[in-house]
């Protein structure tokens, strides 16, 4: 739960404070990296077990987000990043659902911290610029150069929208769950855990689909 998170640092690395949400990110990176390593360390022509599951998840996400880009070359280049966004955000969202997470430091959804969501949104902002290149500049003057101020405002609003949407939904869910569990600890948890599973999936999808659509604007074959 979000109440387990403290605004006091857990520890310091030199002069740098390390908070719960940073530790949660590290744990997610280690978890995803370990699963990827174990699934691919002994690749088989006919996949089985963990390799089969991992390939199905990655391939499904790749086809979904890559297809949304509307450009095969762009899909091969940028879909891996979009898949990484989705899996990273989804795993982070589910960290708060781990039994006992409310009493363990580091087991909090880092996406409930606006610093994390702002960082993810900023990465999307710069990736769109890099992916679009000249097309991005041309997009700013579409459909007419008089629309340049509005298009610039749109580009600035996009990362702000991504930041607040993901942060607000995950943080709000954590707060509601925390209060309800305090009031009815034996009746509330299971239905809210089920809701949390759905909410975490939807928010990961929404963030990644929006990032995909922003990229498709500047790299896709059609809008």
Protein backbone atom coordinates (compact mmCIF):
# COMPACT_ATOMS: atom_id res chain seq x y z
CA UNK A 1 0.00 0.00 0.00
CA UNK A 2 1.00 3.59 -0.54
CA UNK A 3 1.11 4.18 3.22
CA UNK A 4 4.14 1.91 3.43
CA UNK A 5 5.99 4.40 1.32
CA UNK A 6 7.83 7.05 3.26
CA UNK A 7 8.97 10.45 2.16
CA UNK A 8 12.05 9.80 4.23
CA UNK A 9 14.84 8.03 2.30
CA UNK A 10 15.48 4.38 3.07
CA UNK A 11 19.23 4.93 2.81
CA UNK A 12 21.83 7.03 1.05
CA UNK A 13 24.38 6.24 -1.63
CA UNK A 14 26.94 8.89 -0.82
CA UNK A 15 25.01 12.18 -0.81
CA UNK A 16 22.16 10.73 -2.90
CA UNK A 17 18.98 9.70 -1.00
CA UNK A 18 17.24 6.49 -2.11
CA UNK A 19 13.47 6.24 -1.59
CA UNK A 20 10.94 3.40 -1.63
CA UNK A 21 9.91 4.08 -5.21
CA UNK A 22 13.48 3.91 -6.46
CA UNK A 23 14.01 0.56 -4.75
CA UNK A 24 10.75 -0.67 -6.31
CA UNK A 25 12.06 0.28 -9.75
CA UNK A 26 15.30 -1.58 -9.14
CA UNK A 27 13.37 -4.66 -8.06
CA UNK A 28 11.21 -4.52 -11.19
CA UNK A 29 14.27 -4.17 -13.43
CA UNK A 30 15.96 -7.11 -11.68
CA UNK A 31 12.78 -9.20 -11.92
CA UNK A 32 12.20 -8.54 -15.63
CA UNK A 33 15.88 -8.97 -16.41
CA UNK A 34 16.03 -12.28 -14.55
CA UNK A 35 12.93 -13.63 -16.27
CA UNK A 36 14.26 -12.56 -19.67
CA UNK A 37 17.62 -14.21 -18.95
CA UNK A 38 16.10 -17.48 -17.74
CA UNK A 39 13.69 -17.59 -20.68
CA UNK A 40 16.40 -17.04 -23.30
CA UNK A 41 19.54 -18.65 -21.87
CA UNK A 42 18.80 -21.98 -23.57
CA UNK A 43 16.67 -21.14 -26.59
CA UNK A 44 14.88 -24.04 -28.28
CA UNK A 45 13.47 -24.20 -31.80
CA UNK A 46 10.22 -25.48 -30.31
CA UNK A 47 9.78 -23.33 -27.21
CA UNK A 48 8.62 -24.87 -23.97
CA UNK A 49 7.99 -23.75 -20.43
CA UNK A 50 9.19 -20.28 -19.52
CA UNK A 51 10.57 -19.61 -23.00
CA UNK A 52 7.17 -20.36 -24.53
CA UNK A 53 5.35 -18.08 -22.07
CA UNK A 54 7.87 -15.27 -22.44
CA UNK A 55 7.82 -15.45 -26.24
CA UNK A 56 4.02 -15.41 -26.30
CA UNK A 57 3.88 -12.28 -24.11
CA UNK A 58 6.62 -10.41 -25.97
CA UNK A 59 5.39 -11.42 -29.42
CA UNK A 60 1.80 -10.49 -28.58
CA UNK A 61 2.85 -7.07 -27.28
CA UNK A 62 5.22 -6.56 -30.22
CA UNK A 63 2.50 -7.30 -32.78
CA UNK A 64 -0.04 -5.11 -30.97
CA UNK A 65 2.09 -2.01 -30.47
CA UNK A 66 4.16 -2.51 -33.63
CA UNK A 67 1.01 -2.84 -35.72
CA UNK A 68 -0.35 0.38 -34.23
CA UNK A 69 2.68 2.29 -35.53
CA UNK A 70 1.52 1.60 -39.09
CA UNK A 71 5.06 1.31 -40.43
CA UNK A 72 6.99 -1.98 -40.54
CA UNK A 73 10.43 -0.36 -40.34
CA UNK A 74 9.37 1.82 -37.40
CA UNK A 75 7.78 -1.20 -35.72
CA UNK A 76 11.00 -3.20 -35.83
CA UNK A 77 12.93 -0.23 -34.47
CA UNK A 78 10.61 1.12 -31.78
CA UNK A 79 8.19 -1.65 -30.79
CA UNK A 80 10.78 -3.23 -28.43
CA UNK A 81 10.87 0.04 -26.49
CA UNK A 82 7.08 0.19 -26.35
CA UNK A 83 6.90 -3.42 -25.13
CA UNK A 84 9.46 -2.55 -22.45
CA UNK A 85 7.33 0.43 -21.38
CA UNK A 86 4.26 -1.79 -21.07
CA UNK A 87 5.93 -4.59 -19.10
CA UNK A 88 7.80 -2.16 -16.83
CA UNK A 89 4.68 -0.12 -16.00
CA UNK A 90 2.49 -3.21 -15.59
CA UNK A 91 4.93 -4.88 -13.20
CA UNK A 92 5.31 -1.66 -11.21
CA UNK A 93 1.54 -1.27 -10.97
CA UNK A 94 1.21 -4.78 -9.55
CA UNK A 95 3.86 -4.35 -6.86
CA UNK A 96 1.33 -2.88 -4.43
CA UNK A 97 -0.83 -6.02 -4.81
CA UNK A 98 1.79 -8.36 -3.38
CA UNK A 99 0.52 -9.84 -0.07
CA UNK A 100 2.21 -8.05 2.80
CA UNK A 101 3.49 -5.27 0.55
CA UNK A 102 2.04 -2.71 2.94
CA UNK A 103 4.60 -3.71 5.57
CA UNK A 104 7.67 -4.12 3.33
CA UNK A 105 9.71 -1.14 2.24
CA UNK A 106 10.34 -1.09 -1.50
CA UNK A 107 7.21 -3.06 -2.39
CA UNK A 108 5.20 -0.08 -3.54
CA UNK A 109 4.05 0.79 -7.07
CA UNK A 110 6.63 3.34 -8.20
CA UNK A 111 4.09 4.59 -10.74
CA UNK A 112 2.22 6.09 -7.76
CA UNK A 113 5.02 8.66 -7.57
CA UNK A 114 4.78 11.54 -10.05
CA UNK A 115 8.57 11.75 -10.40
CA UNK A 116 8.58 8.28 -11.95
CA UNK A 117 5.65 8.90 -14.29
CA UNK A 118 7.14 12.25 -15.31
CA UNK A 119 10.41 10.52 -16.18
CA UNK A 120 8.61 7.94 -18.32
CA UNK A 121 6.61 10.69 -20.05
CA UNK A 122 9.78 12.70 -20.70
CA UNK A 123 11.39 9.67 -22.32
CA UNK A 124 8.35 9.33 -24.58
CA UNK A 125 8.57 13.03 -25.48
CA UNK A 126 12.18 12.79 -26.64
CA UNK A 127 11.72 9.40 -28.32
CA UNK A 128 8.91 10.89 -30.43
CA UNK A 129 11.22 13.70 -31.53
CA UNK A 130 14.06 11.29 -32.34
CA UNK A 131 11.80 8.79 -34.11
CA UNK A 132 10.11 11.47 -36.18
CA UNK A 133 13.20 13.44 -37.17
CA UNK A 134 12.26 15.72 -40.07
CA UNK A 135 8.73 14.35 -40.00
CA UNK A 136 8.35 15.67 -36.46
CA UNK A 137 9.27 19.18 -37.57
CA UNK A 138 6.89 18.92 -40.52
CA UNK A 139 4.16 17.72 -38.18
CA UNK A 140 4.46 20.96 -36.20
CA UNK A 141 3.37 22.91 -39.28
CA UNK A 142 0.43 20.61 -40.10
CA UNK A 143 -2.06 21.46 -41.55
CA UNK A 144 -0.78 25.04 -41.87
CA UNK A 145 2.06 27.07 -40.39
CA UNK A 146 -0.49 29.16 -38.50
CA UNK A 147 -1.16 26.08 -36.35
CA UNK A 148 2.45 26.04 -35.08
CA UNK A 149 1.61 27.57 -31.64
CA UNK A 150 -1.20 25.06 -31.10
CA UNK A 151 0.96 22.14 -32.21
CA UNK A 152 3.75 23.24 -29.88
CA UNK A 153 1.25 23.49 -27.02
CA UNK A 154 0.04 19.98 -27.86
CA UNK A 155 3.58 18.60 -27.69
CA UNK A 156 4.10 20.17 -24.27
CA UNK A 157 0.71 18.96 -23.01
CA UNK A 158 1.35 15.33 -24.03
CA UNK A 159 4.01 14.46 -21.42
CA UNK A 160 2.04 16.37 -18.77
CA UNK A 161 -1.05 14.33 -19.66
CA UNK A 162 0.86 11.03 -19.55
CA UNK A 163 2.40 11.95 -16.20
CA UNK A 164 -0.80 12.94 -14.44
CA UNK A 165 -2.98 10.19 -15.91
CA UNK A 166 -0.74 7.31 -14.81
CA UNK A 167 0.21 8.88 -11.48
CA UNK A 168 -3.33 9.95 -10.60
CA UNK A 169 -4.95 6.60 -11.32
CA UNK A 170 -2.38 4.44 -9.53
CA UNK A 171 -1.96 6.80 -6.57
CA UNK A 172 -5.74 7.21 -6.25
CA UNK A 173 -6.29 3.46 -6.30
CA UNK A 174 -3.64 2.92 -3.62
CA UNK A 175 -5.16 5.59 -1.38
CA UNK A 176 -8.70 4.23 -1.71
CA UNK A 177 -7.55 0.66 -1.00
CA UNK A 178 -5.54 1.80 2.02
CA UNK A 179 -8.50 3.64 3.59
CA UNK A 180 -11.00 0.85 2.90
CA UNK A 181 -8.69 -1.83 4.27
CA UNK A 182 -8.34 0.18 7.49
CA UNK A 183 -12.14 0.30 7.81
CA UNK A 184 -12.92 -3.31 6.79
CA UNK A 185 -9.68 -5.31 6.68
CA UNK A 186 -11.34 -8.73 6.25
CA UNK A 187 -14.06 -7.88 3.74
CA UNK A 188 -12.51 -5.40 1.33
CA UNK A 189 -9.13 -6.80 0.17
CA UNK A 190 -10.10 -9.52 -2.33
CA UNK A 191 -12.53 -7.46 -4.48
CA UNK A 192 -10.10 -4.54 -4.46
CA UNK A 193 -7.18 -6.77 -5.40
CA UNK A 194 -9.20 -7.92 -8.42
CA UNK A 195 -9.95 -4.27 -9.24
CA UNK A 196 -6.26 -3.46 -8.80
CA UNK A 197 -5.28 -6.14 -11.31
CA UNK A 198 -7.66 -4.66 -13.86
CA UNK A 199 -6.65 -1.06 -13.11
CA UNK A 200 -2.94 -1.84 -13.36
CA UNK A 201 -3.41 -3.52 -16.73
CA UNK A 202 -5.60 -0.75 -18.13
CA UNK A 203 -3.23 2.03 -17.06
CA UNK A 204 -0.20 0.25 -18.52
CA UNK A 205 -2.11 -0.22 -21.77
CA UNK A 206 -3.35 3.38 -21.87
CA UNK A 207 0.11 4.85 -21.31
CA UNK A 208 1.74 2.64 -23.94
CA UNK A 209 -1.06 3.05 -26.48
CA UNK A 210 -0.86 6.83 -26.16
CA UNK A 211 2.93 6.71 -26.55
CA UNK A 212 2.42 4.52 -29.63
CA UNK A 213 -0.11 6.94 -31.12
CA UNK A 214 2.24 9.89 -30.59
CA UNK A 215 4.98 8.02 -32.42
CA UNK A 216 2.59 6.91 -35.18
CA UNK A 217 1.80 10.58 -35.84
CA UNK A 218 5.37 11.16 -36.99
CA UNK A 219 6.50 7.74 -38.33
CA UNK A 220 3.29 6.03 -39.50
CA UNK A 221 2.29 5.64 -43.10
CA UNK A 222 -1.10 7.08 -42.42
CA UNK A 223 -2.92 8.87 -39.66
